[in-house]
């Protein structure tokens, strides 16, 4: 048994208590609210960053950022392959360690593989992108006027791909331990650093979009340092040193089984966006403007819903590894109520004040009429997407790789034919409601896969210890911490 600093034990004990024994409401608030807040902060930064570039009064620079956005999504997905897959496995192992202490010994191999796998994959991705920079810029859609700026922006971004992938991966590793508050702090620090670098590189040194990309890369380097330092000082089991790196099938299979779905989902999201924009442009600027306004309005509840569906994953995985059926069920039920409540409150508010809300963005009555329809369709889609997201998190938590991948890619696979047929048969309304139909179909498929997987999930839960679950459930944070200090093996074993 290794010794730990009292402050470290307090930090670990608090986060572990939220995963293992805290009341479900408090656990969900602890895990999900920081997740949603961090996403909102990121959205605000995107607006601020665009403002810095816009202050240069060069539309080609703004276009360069737009063209580079899909590539940035793919870069994050590279980190997600290792971070989301590794994080889900770590949470399961933490739960299993409560009744089978030897499981905790695997975590150092999972965390080292996740980090250095993300860095290596990022280096390969970034290097290949730099070698194929000119054709890549063309594929992204940059026209002649925007090619120089897009090349500069994408080139600097590709140089930082290993850093960006590592940052996203480490974020998931912290979440896996229940350290959601520390993740939020790290992302806020990164955002503040990004804005400061923007001021220096864009406004002072006049480096344009290259400066914006450099600011993004350096701010992610800052957050990598913060996350790595926190894990080194406070984590009982996570180890980032390369010497713990492994290519064992026991690590590779569950990590890639969950993580590959993240990569495919991001790839299909890009395809979906391109198809949607291509179809909508045929109906004029009014339709595009209405779609843009509706998307921005829907971002707020969408981030809140995603905060719940993504934030609850460590709790589900920990409960599954622990064999705590009651806590797993309660977490799913509480998350479902939260998702439904968020959409219901927001939908009612927007419907009552729909004209005032849209008037803040556009005074065009045609944009208002079309925008309200688009927003209604998006809110309905958000309900199905939220519950589908919970099912995806459940599959990831339980290590059910096939259903998790199917759920991740289902949106992109179904949306394209549904949108094309909707446009052919119903015109613009067919495009507007295509996303809603897709999300409902994916949710229905998720329910079917959940019913088909229930026996396998039950067998996985049975491998846990109901007695151990009863032993820790209902403990207050203080009693949980005291129990760990008095007899660590009774709750969990130090690595």
Protein backbone atom coordinates (compact mmCIF):
# COMPACT_ATOMS: atom_id res chain seq x y z
CA UNK A 1 0.00 0.00 0.00
CA UNK A 2 1.38 3.37 -0.93
CA UNK A 3 1.03 6.41 1.28
CA UNK A 4 -0.69 9.56 0.12
CA UNK A 5 -0.56 13.16 1.23
CA UNK A 6 -3.61 14.14 3.38
CA UNK A 7 -4.62 16.81 0.87
CA UNK A 8 -4.41 14.25 -1.89
CA UNK A 9 -6.52 11.79 0.08
CA UNK A 10 -9.14 14.51 0.69
CA UNK A 11 -9.33 15.41 -3.01
CA UNK A 12 -9.47 11.78 -4.11
CA UNK A 13 -11.93 10.83 -1.39
CA UNK A 14 -14.28 13.66 -2.27
CA UNK A 15 -14.35 12.85 -5.99
CA UNK A 16 -14.62 9.11 -5.34
CA UNK A 17 -17.48 9.68 -2.91
CA UNK A 18 -19.47 11.39 -5.65
CA UNK A 19 -19.01 8.31 -7.85
CA UNK A 20 -19.56 5.69 -5.18
CA UNK A 21 -21.86 6.85 -2.43
CA UNK A 22 -23.19 10.41 -2.85
CA UNK A 23 -26.93 10.96 -3.31
CA UNK A 24 -27.70 10.77 -7.02
CA UNK A 25 -28.80 14.40 -7.26
CA UNK A 26 -25.56 15.66 -5.70
CA UNK A 27 -23.51 13.29 -7.86
CA UNK A 28 -25.22 14.49 -11.05
CA UNK A 29 -24.75 18.15 -10.10
CA UNK A 30 -21.07 17.53 -9.33
CA UNK A 31 -20.42 15.70 -12.60
CA UNK A 32 -22.76 17.40 -15.06
CA UNK A 33 -22.89 21.09 -14.14
CA UNK A 34 -19.12 21.67 -14.62
CA UNK A 35 -19.32 19.75 -17.91
CA UNK A 36 -22.11 22.00 -19.20
CA UNK A 37 -20.39 25.13 -17.88
CA UNK A 38 -17.15 24.21 -19.63
CA UNK A 39 -19.01 23.72 -22.92
CA UNK A 40 -20.71 27.10 -22.56
CA UNK A 41 -17.33 28.71 -21.85
CA UNK A 42 -15.97 27.08 -25.00
CA UNK A 43 -18.88 28.43 -27.04
CA UNK A 44 -18.34 31.92 -25.65
CA UNK A 45 -14.65 31.67 -26.55
CA UNK A 46 -15.55 30.74 -30.14
CA UNK A 47 -17.58 33.94 -30.39
CA UNK A 48 -14.79 36.03 -28.81
CA UNK A 49 -12.17 34.46 -31.07
CA UNK A 50 -14.28 35.26 -34.14
CA UNK A 51 -14.56 38.80 -32.80
CA UNK A 52 -10.78 39.17 -32.65
CA UNK A 53 -10.44 37.97 -36.24
CA UNK A 54 -13.43 40.07 -37.33
CA UNK A 55 -11.77 43.20 -35.94
CA UNK A 56 -9.20 42.86 -38.74
CA UNK A 57 -12.01 43.50 -41.27
CA UNK A 58 -10.91 40.75 -43.66
CA UNK A 59 -13.63 38.27 -44.60
CA UNK A 60 -11.08 35.77 -45.90
CA UNK A 61 -9.71 35.44 -42.37
CA UNK A 62 -13.13 34.64 -40.95
CA UNK A 63 -13.67 32.19 -43.80
CA UNK A 64 -10.38 30.46 -42.91
CA UNK A 65 -11.60 29.75 -39.38
CA UNK A 66 -14.87 28.40 -40.74
CA UNK A 67 -13.07 26.11 -43.19
CA UNK A 68 -10.77 24.87 -40.43
CA UNK A 69 -13.58 24.02 -37.99
CA UNK A 70 -14.32 20.50 -39.37
CA UNK A 71 -10.62 19.66 -39.15
CA UNK A 72 -10.55 20.80 -35.53
CA UNK A 73 -13.47 18.47 -34.85
CA UNK A 74 -11.50 15.55 -36.27
CA UNK A 75 -8.48 16.48 -34.15
CA UNK A 76 -10.62 16.39 -31.02
CA UNK A 77 -11.97 13.03 -32.15
CA UNK A 78 -8.41 11.65 -32.31
CA UNK A 79 -8.03 12.52 -28.64
CA UNK A 80 -11.52 11.15 -27.99
CA UNK A 81 -10.61 7.70 -29.32
CA UNK A 82 -8.14 7.29 -26.47
CA UNK A 83 -9.65 9.65 -23.89
CA UNK A 84 -13.30 8.56 -23.98
CA UNK A 85 -12.43 4.88 -24.39
CA UNK A 86 -9.73 5.01 -21.72
CA UNK A 87 -11.84 7.10 -19.36
CA UNK A 88 -14.81 4.72 -19.50
CA UNK A 89 -12.51 1.77 -18.78
CA UNK A 90 -10.82 3.58 -15.88
CA UNK A 91 -14.18 4.38 -14.25
CA UNK A 92 -15.23 0.74 -14.57
CA UNK A 93 -11.96 -0.42 -13.04
CA UNK A 94 -12.32 2.06 -10.16
CA UNK A 95 -15.74 0.64 -9.40
CA UNK A 96 -14.53 -2.95 -9.71
CA UNK A 97 -11.60 -2.18 -7.37
CA UNK A 98 -14.05 -1.74 -4.51
CA UNK A 99 -14.53 -5.50 -4.39
CA UNK A 100 -11.55 -6.73 -6.45
CA UNK A 101 -8.54 -4.54 -5.52
CA UNK A 102 -6.25 -6.06 -8.17
CA UNK A 103 -8.32 -4.30 -10.86
CA UNK A 104 -6.88 -0.96 -9.76
CA UNK A 105 -3.43 -2.07 -10.87
CA UNK A 106 -4.56 -2.00 -14.51
CA UNK A 107 -5.41 1.70 -14.43
CA UNK A 108 -1.80 2.90 -14.76
CA UNK A 109 -1.46 0.92 -17.99
CA UNK A 110 -4.79 2.23 -19.36
CA UNK A 111 -3.97 5.87 -18.58
CA UNK A 112 -0.43 5.71 -20.00
CA UNK A 113 -1.67 3.99 -23.15
CA UNK A 114 -4.47 6.55 -23.56
CA UNK A 115 -2.18 9.59 -23.25
CA UNK A 116 0.74 8.40 -25.35
CA UNK A 117 -1.55 6.71 -27.86
CA UNK A 118 -3.32 10.07 -28.33
CA UNK A 119 0.02 11.89 -28.71
CA UNK A 120 1.34 9.33 -31.23
CA UNK A 121 -1.87 9.29 -33.25
CA UNK A 122 -1.91 13.09 -33.18
CA UNK A 123 1.66 13.23 -34.45
CA UNK A 124 0.82 10.91 -37.34
CA UNK A 125 -2.37 12.84 -38.15
CA UNK A 126 -0.64 16.22 -37.95
CA UNK A 127 2.39 15.10 -39.93
CA UNK A 128 0.28 13.61 -42.71
CA UNK A 129 -1.81 16.79 -42.81
CA UNK A 130 1.26 19.00 -43.17
CA UNK A 131 2.60 16.83 -45.98
CA UNK A 132 -0.75 17.07 -47.78
CA UNK A 133 -1.53 20.63 -46.73
CA UNK A 134 -2.46 22.09 -50.14
CA UNK A 135 -4.88 19.33 -51.20
CA UNK A 136 -6.29 19.29 -47.65
CA UNK A 137 -7.13 23.01 -47.83
CA UNK A 138 -8.92 22.37 -51.14
CA UNK A 139 -10.92 19.50 -49.63
CA UNK A 140 -12.00 21.79 -46.79
CA UNK A 141 -13.62 24.02 -49.44
CA UNK A 142 -11.44 27.13 -49.36
CA UNK A 143 -11.83 29.25 -52.51
CA UNK A 144 -8.95 31.14 -54.14
CA UNK A 145 -9.35 34.22 -51.93
CA UNK A 146 -9.33 32.22 -48.71
CA UNK A 147 -6.57 29.72 -49.60
CA UNK A 148 -3.61 31.69 -48.12
CA UNK A 149 -5.34 32.38 -44.80
CA UNK A 150 -6.79 28.86 -44.55
CA UNK A 151 -3.38 27.37 -45.31
CA UNK A 152 -1.79 29.44 -42.54
CA UNK A 153 -4.51 28.60 -40.00
CA UNK A 154 -4.64 24.88 -40.77
CA UNK A 155 -0.85 24.59 -40.99
CA UNK A 156 -0.28 25.94 -37.47
CA UNK A 157 -3.19 23.88 -36.14
CA UNK A 158 -1.74 20.67 -37.59
CA UNK A 159 1.59 21.38 -35.89
CA UNK A 160 -0.23 21.34 -32.54
CA UNK A 161 -2.35 18.24 -33.14
CA UNK A 162 -0.42 16.10 -30.61
CA UNK A 163 -1.00 18.79 -27.96
CA UNK A 164 -4.71 19.19 -28.81
CA UNK A 165 -5.23 15.40 -28.73
CA UNK A 166 -3.39 15.11 -25.41
CA UNK A 167 -5.45 17.90 -23.86
CA UNK A 168 -8.76 16.29 -24.82
CA UNK A 169 -7.53 12.87 -23.67
CA UNK A 170 -6.37 14.12 -20.26
CA UNK A 171 -9.69 15.91 -19.81
CA UNK A 172 -11.47 12.56 -20.09
CA UNK A 173 -9.06 10.89 -17.66
CA UNK A 174 -9.87 13.50 -15.02
CA UNK A 175 -13.57 13.03 -15.63
CA UNK A 176 -13.10 9.29 -15.18
CA UNK A 177 -12.02 9.93 -11.58
CA UNK A 178 -14.99 12.19 -10.90
CA UNK A 179 -12.83 15.35 -10.96
CA UNK A 180 -15.36 17.35 -12.97
CA UNK A 181 -14.70 20.57 -11.07
CA UNK A 182 -10.99 20.39 -11.82
CA UNK A 183 -11.80 19.85 -15.51
CA UNK A 184 -13.94 22.98 -15.50
CA UNK A 185 -11.15 24.98 -13.84
CA UNK A 186 -8.63 23.73 -16.39
CA UNK A 187 -10.84 24.62 -19.34
CA UNK A 188 -11.57 28.09 -17.96
CA UNK A 189 -7.83 28.66 -17.43
CA UNK A 190 -7.23 27.50 -21.00
CA UNK A 191 -9.89 29.88 -22.32
CA UNK A 192 -8.44 32.85 -20.42
CA UNK A 193 -4.95 31.98 -21.72
CA UNK A 194 -6.35 31.68 -25.24
CA UNK A 195 -7.87 35.15 -25.11
CA UNK A 196 -4.62 36.59 -23.74
CA UNK A 197 -2.62 34.94 -26.52
CA UNK A 198 -5.17 36.24 -29.05
CA UNK A 199 -4.55 39.78 -27.89
CA UNK A 200 -0.79 39.36 -28.24
CA UNK A 201 -0.64 37.44 -31.51
CA UNK A 202 -3.59 39.03 -33.36
CA UNK A 203 -3.92 42.58 -32.09
CA UNK A 204 -0.31 43.33 -31.12
CA UNK A 205 1.81 41.20 -33.46
CA UNK A 206 -0.74 41.17 -36.32
CA UNK A 207 -0.26 37.49 -37.17
CA UNK A 208 -3.90 37.05 -38.22
CA UNK A 209 -5.36 33.54 -38.33
CA UNK A 210 -1.91 32.00 -37.84
CA UNK A 211 -1.82 33.88 -34.54
CA UNK A 212 -5.28 32.54 -33.66
CA UNK A 213 -4.15 28.97 -34.32
CA UNK A 214 -0.95 29.53 -32.33
CA UNK A 215 -2.98 30.95 -29.43
CA UNK A 216 -5.21 27.87 -29.48
CA UNK A 217 -2.22 25.52 -29.51
CA UNK A 218 -0.38 27.26 -26.66
CA UNK A 219 -3.50 27.52 -24.50
CA UNK A 220 -4.02 23.78 -24.91
CA UNK A 221 -0.40 23.28 -23.88
CA UNK A 222 -1.26 25.19 -20.70
CA UNK A 223 -4.21 22.92 -19.98
CA UNK A 224 -2.10 19.81 -20.65
CA UNK A 225 0.31 21.03 -17.98
CA UNK A 226 -2.54 21.68 -15.53
CA UNK A 227 -4.27 18.33 -16.07
CA UNK A 228 -1.01 16.33 -15.96
CA UNK A 229 0.08 18.09 -12.77
CA UNK A 230 -3.26 17.49 -11.07
CA UNK A 231 -3.22 13.79 -11.94
CA UNK A 232 0.38 13.40 -10.78
CA UNK A 233 -0.39 15.03 -7.43
CA UNK A 234 -3.87 13.74 -6.69
CA UNK A 235 -4.62 10.51 -8.55
CA UNK A 236 -4.17 7.24 -6.71
CA UNK A 237 -3.96 5.05 -9.76
CA UNK A 238 -3.51 7.08 -12.95
CA UNK A 239 0.08 7.11 -14.17
CA UNK A 240 1.23 8.99 -17.27
CA UNK A 241 4.86 7.83 -17.52
CA UNK A 242 5.70 6.05 -20.81
CA UNK A 243 7.08 3.06 -18.88
CA UNK A 244 3.52 2.00 -18.08
CA UNK A 245 2.53 2.05 -21.77
CA UNK A 246 1.20 -1.29 -22.99
CA UNK A 247 -0.32 -2.83 -26.10
CA UNK A 248 -2.08 -5.55 -24.15
CA UNK A 249 -5.37 -6.70 -25.74
CA UNK A 250 -6.97 -6.27 -22.31
CA UNK A 251 -6.39 -2.52 -22.73
CA UNK A 252 -6.61 -2.06 -26.49
CA UNK A 253 -9.90 -3.86 -27.05
CA UNK A 254 -12.09 -1.98 -24.53
CA UNK A 255 -10.44 1.40 -25.23
CA UNK A 256 -10.85 1.19 -29.00
CA UNK A 257 -14.23 -0.54 -28.68
CA UNK A 258 -15.64 2.64 -27.15
CA UNK A 259 -13.26 5.24 -28.60
CA UNK A 260 -13.62 4.38 -32.28
CA UNK A 261 -17.27 5.37 -32.07
CA UNK A 262 -16.20 8.91 -31.09
CA UNK A 263 -14.00 9.18 -34.18
CA UNK A 264 -16.69 7.88 -36.52
CA UNK A 265 -19.29 10.15 -34.95
CA UNK A 266 -17.13 13.23 -35.58
CA UNK A 267 -16.44 12.15 -39.16
CA UNK A 268 -20.14 11.68 -39.88
CA UNK A 269 -20.97 14.98 -38.17
CA UNK A 270 -18.78 16.76 -40.70
CA UNK A 271 -20.52 14.96 -43.56
CA UNK A 272 -23.91 15.82 -42.07
CA UNK A 273 -23.03 19.52 -41.81
CA UNK A 274 -21.78 19.67 -45.38
CA UNK A 275 -24.90 17.93 -46.74
CA UNK A 276 -27.23 20.17 -44.71
CA UNK A 277 -25.53 23.37 -45.88
CA UNK A 278 -25.48 22.19 -49.48
CA UNK A 279 -29.22 21.44 -49.47
CA UNK A 280 -30.25 24.57 -47.55
CA UNK A 281 -28.34 26.98 -49.79
CA UNK A 282 -30.71 26.16 -52.65
CA UNK A 283 -33.53 27.86 -50.70
CA UNK A 284 -31.80 31.23 -50.44
CA UNK A 285 -30.10 33.33 -47.81
CA UNK A 286 -33.28 33.57 -45.72
CA UNK A 287 -33.34 29.84 -45.04
CA UNK A 288 -29.64 29.81 -44.22
CA UNK A 289 -30.02 32.80 -41.91
CA UNK A 290 -32.99 31.20 -40.13
CA UNK A 291 -31.05 27.98 -39.71
CA UNK A 292 -28.06 29.85 -38.32
CA UNK A 293 -30.20 31.76 -35.80
CA UNK A 294 -32.07 28.62 -34.68
CA UNK A 295 -28.80 26.72 -34.19
CA UNK A 296 -27.39 29.47 -31.99
CA UNK A 297 -30.54 29.63 -29.87
CA UNK A 298 -30.67 25.84 -29.50
CA UNK A 299 -27.01 25.70 -28.43
CA UNK A 300 -27.84 26.67 -24.86
CA UNK A 301 -30.15 23.74 -24.01
CA UNK A 302 -28.07 21.47 -26.24
CA UNK A 303 -24.97 22.14 -24.13
CA UNK A 304 -26.97 21.57 -20.94
CA UNK A 305 -28.32 18.27 -22.26
CA UNK A 306 -24.85 17.19 -23.40
CA UNK A 307 -23.52 18.18 -19.98
CA UNK A 308 -25.89 15.61 -18.48
CA UNK A 309 -25.44 12.81 -21.03
CA UNK A 310 -21.64 13.07 -21.15
CA UNK A 311 -21.13 14.07 -17.53
CA UNK A 312 -22.98 11.03 -16.18
CA UNK A 313 -20.72 8.54 -18.02
CA UNK A 314 -18.13 8.14 -15.20
CA UNK A 315 -20.93 7.54 -12.68
CA UNK A 316 -22.52 4.88 -14.89
CA UNK A 317 -19.18 3.18 -15.57
CA UNK A 318 -18.17 3.24 -11.89
CA UNK A 319 -21.54 1.82 -10.80
CA UNK A 320 -21.35 -0.87 -13.48
CA UNK A 321 -17.82 -1.91 -12.49
CA UNK A 322 -18.87 -1.94 -8.84
CA UNK A 323 -21.90 -4.08 -9.58
CA UNK A 324 -24.25 -1.52 -8.03
CA UNK A 325 -27.45 -2.07 -10.02
CA UNK A 326 -29.52 0.24 -7.85
CA UNK A 327 -27.13 3.18 -8.28
CA UNK A 328 -26.80 2.58 -12.01
CA UNK A 329 -30.57 2.60 -12.41
CA UNK A 330 -30.96 5.69 -10.23
CA UNK A 331 -28.30 7.54 -12.24
CA UNK A 332 -30.06 6.74 -15.51
CA UNK A 333 -33.43 7.75 -14.09
CA UNK A 334 -32.10 11.02 -12.67
CA UNK A 335 -30.32 11.85 -15.93
CA UNK A 336 -33.46 11.16 -17.95
CA UNK A 337 -35.50 13.47 -15.70
CA UNK A 338 -32.83 16.18 -16.05
CA UNK A 339 -32.77 15.91 -19.85
CA UNK A 340 -36.56 16.02 -20.07
CA UNK A 341 -36.75 18.95 -17.66
CA UNK A 342 -34.15 21.01 -19.51
CA UNK A 343 -35.88 20.61 -22.86
CA UNK A 344 -39.35 21.19 -21.41
CA UNK A 345 -38.42 24.41 -19.59
CA UNK A 346 -36.45 25.79 -22.52
CA UNK A 347 -39.04 24.81 -25.11
CA UNK A 348 -41.84 26.47 -23.16
CA UNK A 349 -39.80 29.64 -22.64
CA UNK A 350 -38.79 29.92 -26.28
CA UNK A 351 -42.31 29.23 -27.54
CA UNK A 352 -43.80 31.95 -25.33
CA UNK A 353 -41.14 34.52 -26.27
CA UNK A 354 -40.33 33.24 -29.77
CA UNK A 355 -40.82 36.56 -31.55
CA UNK A 356 -38.76 38.50 -29.05
CA UNK A 357 -35.98 35.89 -29.15
CA UNK A 358 -35.70 35.88 -32.94
CA UNK A 359 -36.08 39.66 -33.18
CA UNK A 360 -32.75 39.94 -31.34
CA UNK A 361 -31.11 38.25 -34.32
CA UNK A 362 -33.19 39.35 -37.31
CA UNK A 363 -36.07 41.68 -38.10
CA UNK A 364 -36.97 39.78 -41.28
CA UNK A 365 -40.45 38.22 -40.87
CA UNK A 366 -39.67 35.38 -43.27
CA UNK A 367 -36.59 34.50 -41.24
CA UNK A 368 -38.76 34.57 -38.11
CA UNK A 369 -41.38 32.24 -39.57
CA UNK A 370 -38.87 29.75 -40.94
CA UNK A 371 -36.65 30.02 -37.85
CA UNK A 372 -39.47 29.15 -35.44
CA UNK A 373 -40.22 26.00 -37.45
CA UNK A 374 -36.54 25.03 -37.51
CA UNK A 375 -36.18 25.65 -33.79
CA UNK A 376 -39.28 23.56 -33.03
CA UNK A 377 -37.86 20.69 -35.06
CA UNK A 378 -34.51 21.00 -33.29
CA UNK A 379 -36.07 21.01 -29.83
CA UNK A 380 -38.06 17.86 -30.63
CA UNK A 381 -34.89 16.29 -32.01
CA UNK A 382 -33.06 17.31 -28.84
CA UNK A 383 -35.42 15.25 -26.69
CA UNK A 384 -34.70 12.11 -28.70
CA UNK A 385 -31.00 12.97 -28.94
CA UNK A 386 -30.75 13.45 -25.18
CA UNK A 387 -32.23 10.06 -24.38
CA UNK A 388 -30.19 8.47 -27.17
CA UNK A 389 -27.11 10.07 -25.60
CA UNK A 390 -27.94 8.45 -22.27
CA UNK A 391 -28.19 5.05 -23.94
CA UNK A 392 -24.86 5.66 -25.67
CA UNK A 393 -23.26 6.52 -22.33
CA UNK A 394 -24.74 3.36 -20.82
CA UNK A 395 -23.30 1.21 -23.62
CA UNK A 396 -19.91 2.92 -23.24
CA UNK A 397 -20.01 2.52 -19.46
CA UNK A 398 -20.76 -1.19 -19.78
CA UNK A 399 -18.10 -1.70 -22.44
CA UNK A 400 -20.71 -2.70 -25.04
CA UNK A 401 -18.65 -1.58 -28.03
CA UNK A 402 -20.93 -2.63 -30.90
CA UNK A 403 -24.08 -0.83 -29.66
CA UNK A 404 -21.97 2.20 -28.68
CA UNK A 405 -20.45 2.44 -32.17
CA UNK A 406 -23.83 1.91 -33.85
CA UNK A 407 -25.33 4.73 -31.77
CA UNK A 408 -22.39 7.02 -32.55
CA UNK A 409 -22.48 6.54 -36.32
CA UNK A 410 -26.24 6.11 -36.65
CA UNK A 411 -26.87 9.85 -36.84
CA UNK A 412 -24.62 10.36 -39.84
CA UNK A 413 -25.57 7.15 -41.63
CA UNK A 414 -29.31 7.84 -41.41
CA UNK A 415 -29.33 11.62 -41.77
CA UNK A 416 -27.92 11.81 -45.31
CA UNK A 417 -30.56 9.60 -47.01
CA UNK A 418 -33.37 11.03 -44.86
CA UNK A 419 -32.35 14.61 -45.72
CA UNK A 420 -32.00 13.83 -49.44
CA UNK A 421 -35.39 12.11 -49.58
CA UNK A 422 -36.99 14.82 -47.44
CA UNK A 423 -35.70 17.48 -49.80
CA UNK A 424 -36.91 15.51 -52.81
CA UNK A 425 -40.39 14.84 -51.46
CA UNK A 426 -41.17 17.86 -49.24
CA UNK A 427 -38.64 20.57 -50.10
CA UNK A 428 -37.40 22.82 -47.29
CA UNK A 429 -39.74 21.33 -44.62
CA UNK A 430 -38.27 17.92 -45.47
CA UNK A 431 -34.76 19.24 -44.73
CA UNK A 432 -35.90 20.97 -41.55
CA UNK A 433 -37.49 17.84 -40.08
CA UNK A 434 -34.84 15.43 -41.37
CA UNK A 435 -32.74 15.82 -38.21
CA UNK A 436 -35.79 15.18 -36.03
CA UNK A 437 -36.65 12.01 -37.93
CA UNK A 438 -33.03 10.88 -37.71
CA UNK A 439 -32.78 11.39 -33.95
CA UNK A 440 -36.06 9.56 -33.33
CA UNK A 441 -34.89 6.65 -35.48
CA UNK A 442 -31.54 6.49 -33.65
CA UNK A 443 -33.28 6.58 -30.27
CA UNK A 444 -35.64 3.79 -31.33
CA UNK A 445 -32.66 1.74 -32.50
CA UNK A 446 -30.91 2.42 -29.19
CA UNK A 447 -33.91 1.16 -27.23
CA UNK A 448 -33.96 -2.00 -29.34
CA UNK A 449 -30.22 -2.60 -28.74
CA UNK A 450 -30.67 -1.90 -25.04
CA UNK A 451 -33.40 -4.53 -24.81
CA UNK A 452 -31.19 -6.97 -26.71
CA UNK A 453 -28.22 -6.21 -24.44
CA UNK A 454 -29.99 -6.33 -21.09
CA UNK A 455 -28.95 -9.89 -20.29
CA UNK A 456 -25.30 -9.17 -21.11
CA UNK A 457 -25.38 -5.97 -19.04
CA UNK A 458 -27.00 -7.87 -16.16
CA UNK A 459 -24.24 -10.49 -16.31
CA UNK A 460 -21.64 -7.72 -16.15
CA UNK A 461 -23.37 -6.21 -13.13
CA UNK A 462 -23.50 -9.63 -11.48
CA UNK A 463 -19.70 -9.76 -11.56
CA UNK A 464 -19.74 -6.86 -9.09
CA UNK A 465 -20.53 -7.19 -5.43
CA UNK A 466 -24.02 -6.24 -4.23
CA UNK A 467 -22.75 -6.56 -0.66
CA UNK A 468 -20.02 -4.01 -1.32
CA UNK A 469 -22.51 -1.71 -2.99
CA UNK A 470 -24.72 -1.84 0.11
CA UNK A 471 -21.65 -1.21 2.27
CA UNK A 472 -20.91 2.17 0.68
CA UNK A 473 -24.33 3.40 -0.44
CA UNK A 474 -25.77 6.22 1.60
CA UNK A 475 -22.50 7.17 3.30
CA UNK A 476 -21.93 10.88 3.77
CA UNK A 477 -18.78 12.40 2.32
CA UNK A 478 -17.23 12.62 5.81
CA UNK A 479 -18.07 9.01 6.74
CA UNK A 480 -16.89 7.77 3.36
CA UNK A 481 -13.57 9.58 3.77
CA UNK A 482 -13.19 8.32 7.37
CA UNK A 483 -13.85 4.75 6.24
CA UNK A 484 -11.19 5.00 3.54
CA UNK A 485 -8.65 6.39 6.00
CA UNK A 486 -9.44 3.82 8.72
CA UNK A 487 -9.50 0.80 6.42
CA UNK A 488 -8.80 1.58 2.75
CA UNK A 489 -9.42 -2.02 1.69
CA UNK A 490 -12.99 -1.80 2.97
CA UNK A 491 -13.88 0.79 0.35
CA UNK A 492 -11.06 0.76 -2.13
CA UNK A 493 -7.41 -0.18 -2.13
CA UNK A 494 -4.63 2.31 -2.72
CA UNK A 495 -2.41 1.53 -5.71
